[in-house]
């Protein structure tokens, strides 16, 4: 006895599932967008979601702190013989 699993096309409808080259479609969509439009959209998202987005400097600082914490945990584990 086998169970027949519906395809994505059957679940969502054939007209919803797009076929094609996503990379080329993305390039076509993005080709006319300017840096000013991207910047304006970023500022709009930041205004709508204050505190949600981090600057590159904040991200690098968080990575540095996490690496230090991992190193400290490794040293502590060695000290107790784990």
Protein backbone atom coordinates (compact mmCIF):
# COMPACT_ATOMS: atom_id res chain seq x y z
CA UNK A 1 0.00 0.00 0.00
CA UNK A 2 1.44 3.36 -0.98
CA UNK A 3 0.34 6.80 0.05
CA UNK A 4 0.02 9.35 -2.70
CA UNK A 5 1.50 12.70 -1.66
CA UNK A 6 0.18 15.75 -3.51
CA UNK A 7 2.65 17.88 -5.39
CA UNK A 8 3.29 21.55 -4.67
CA UNK A 9 1.44 22.42 -7.86
CA UNK A 10 -1.61 20.46 -6.68
CA UNK A 11 -1.57 22.10 -3.26
CA UNK A 12 -0.97 25.69 -4.36
CA UNK A 13 -2.43 25.59 -7.83
CA UNK A 14 -0.48 25.40 -11.05
CA UNK A 15 -0.86 29.12 -11.74
CA UNK A 16 0.89 30.04 -8.46
CA UNK A 17 3.98 27.87 -8.94
CA UNK A 18 6.35 29.67 -11.31
CA UNK A 19 8.86 27.88 -13.38
CA UNK A 20 11.93 29.52 -14.75
CA UNK A 21 15.27 30.96 -13.91
CA UNK A 22 14.88 32.82 -10.60
CA UNK A 23 18.28 34.49 -10.92
CA UNK A 24 17.42 36.00 -14.28
CA UNK A 25 13.99 37.08 -13.03
CA UNK A 26 15.60 38.77 -10.02
CA UNK A 27 18.11 40.57 -12.23
CA UNK A 28 15.29 41.79 -14.45
CA UNK A 29 13.32 43.10 -11.48
CA UNK A 30 16.33 44.78 -9.87
CA UNK A 31 17.88 46.30 -12.99
CA UNK A 32 15.94 49.59 -12.73
CA UNK A 33 16.16 50.05 -8.95
CA UNK A 34 18.50 52.82 -7.83
CA UNK A 35 20.64 52.99 -4.70
CA UNK A 36 18.48 55.92 -3.57
CA UNK A 37 15.39 53.69 -3.71
CA UNK A 38 17.18 50.96 -1.76
CA UNK A 39 18.33 53.50 0.83
CA UNK A 40 14.81 54.95 1.13
CA UNK A 41 13.34 51.47 1.63
CA UNK A 42 15.95 50.65 4.28
CA UNK A 43 15.15 53.88 6.14
CA UNK A 44 11.42 53.14 5.93
CA UNK A 45 11.91 49.65 7.38
CA UNK A 46 14.11 51.02 10.16
CA UNK A 47 11.47 53.66 11.02
CA UNK A 48 8.72 51.03 11.11
CA UNK A 49 10.82 48.62 13.20
CA UNK A 50 13.02 50.66 15.55
CA UNK A 51 15.73 48.60 17.21
CA UNK A 52 15.25 45.58 14.95
CA UNK A 53 18.09 46.23 12.54
CA UNK A 54 21.77 46.38 13.45
CA UNK A 55 24.57 48.36 11.89
CA UNK A 56 27.55 46.46 10.45
CA UNK A 57 29.63 47.67 13.39
CA UNK A 58 27.10 46.26 15.87
CA UNK A 59 27.09 42.92 14.04
CA UNK A 60 30.91 42.71 14.06
CA UNK A 61 30.98 43.57 17.77
CA UNK A 62 28.44 40.84 18.54
CA UNK A 63 30.48 38.31 16.55
CA UNK A 64 33.63 39.33 18.44
CA UNK A 65 31.87 38.94 21.81
CA UNK A 66 30.47 35.53 20.85
CA UNK A 67 33.92 34.33 19.76
CA UNK A 68 35.40 35.48 23.07
CA UNK A 69 32.63 33.69 24.98
CA UNK A 70 33.26 30.49 23.02
CA UNK A 71 36.99 30.68 23.72
CA UNK A 72 36.31 31.25 27.43
CA UNK A 73 33.91 28.30 27.54
CA UNK A 74 36.54 26.12 25.84
CA UNK A 75 39.18 27.11 28.37
CA UNK A 76 36.78 26.45 31.26
CA UNK A 77 35.88 23.04 29.82
CA UNK A 78 39.59 22.12 29.58
CA UNK A 79 40.15 23.32 33.14
CA UNK A 80 37.50 20.97 34.53
CA UNK A 81 38.62 18.09 32.29
CA UNK A 82 35.65 17.88 30.00
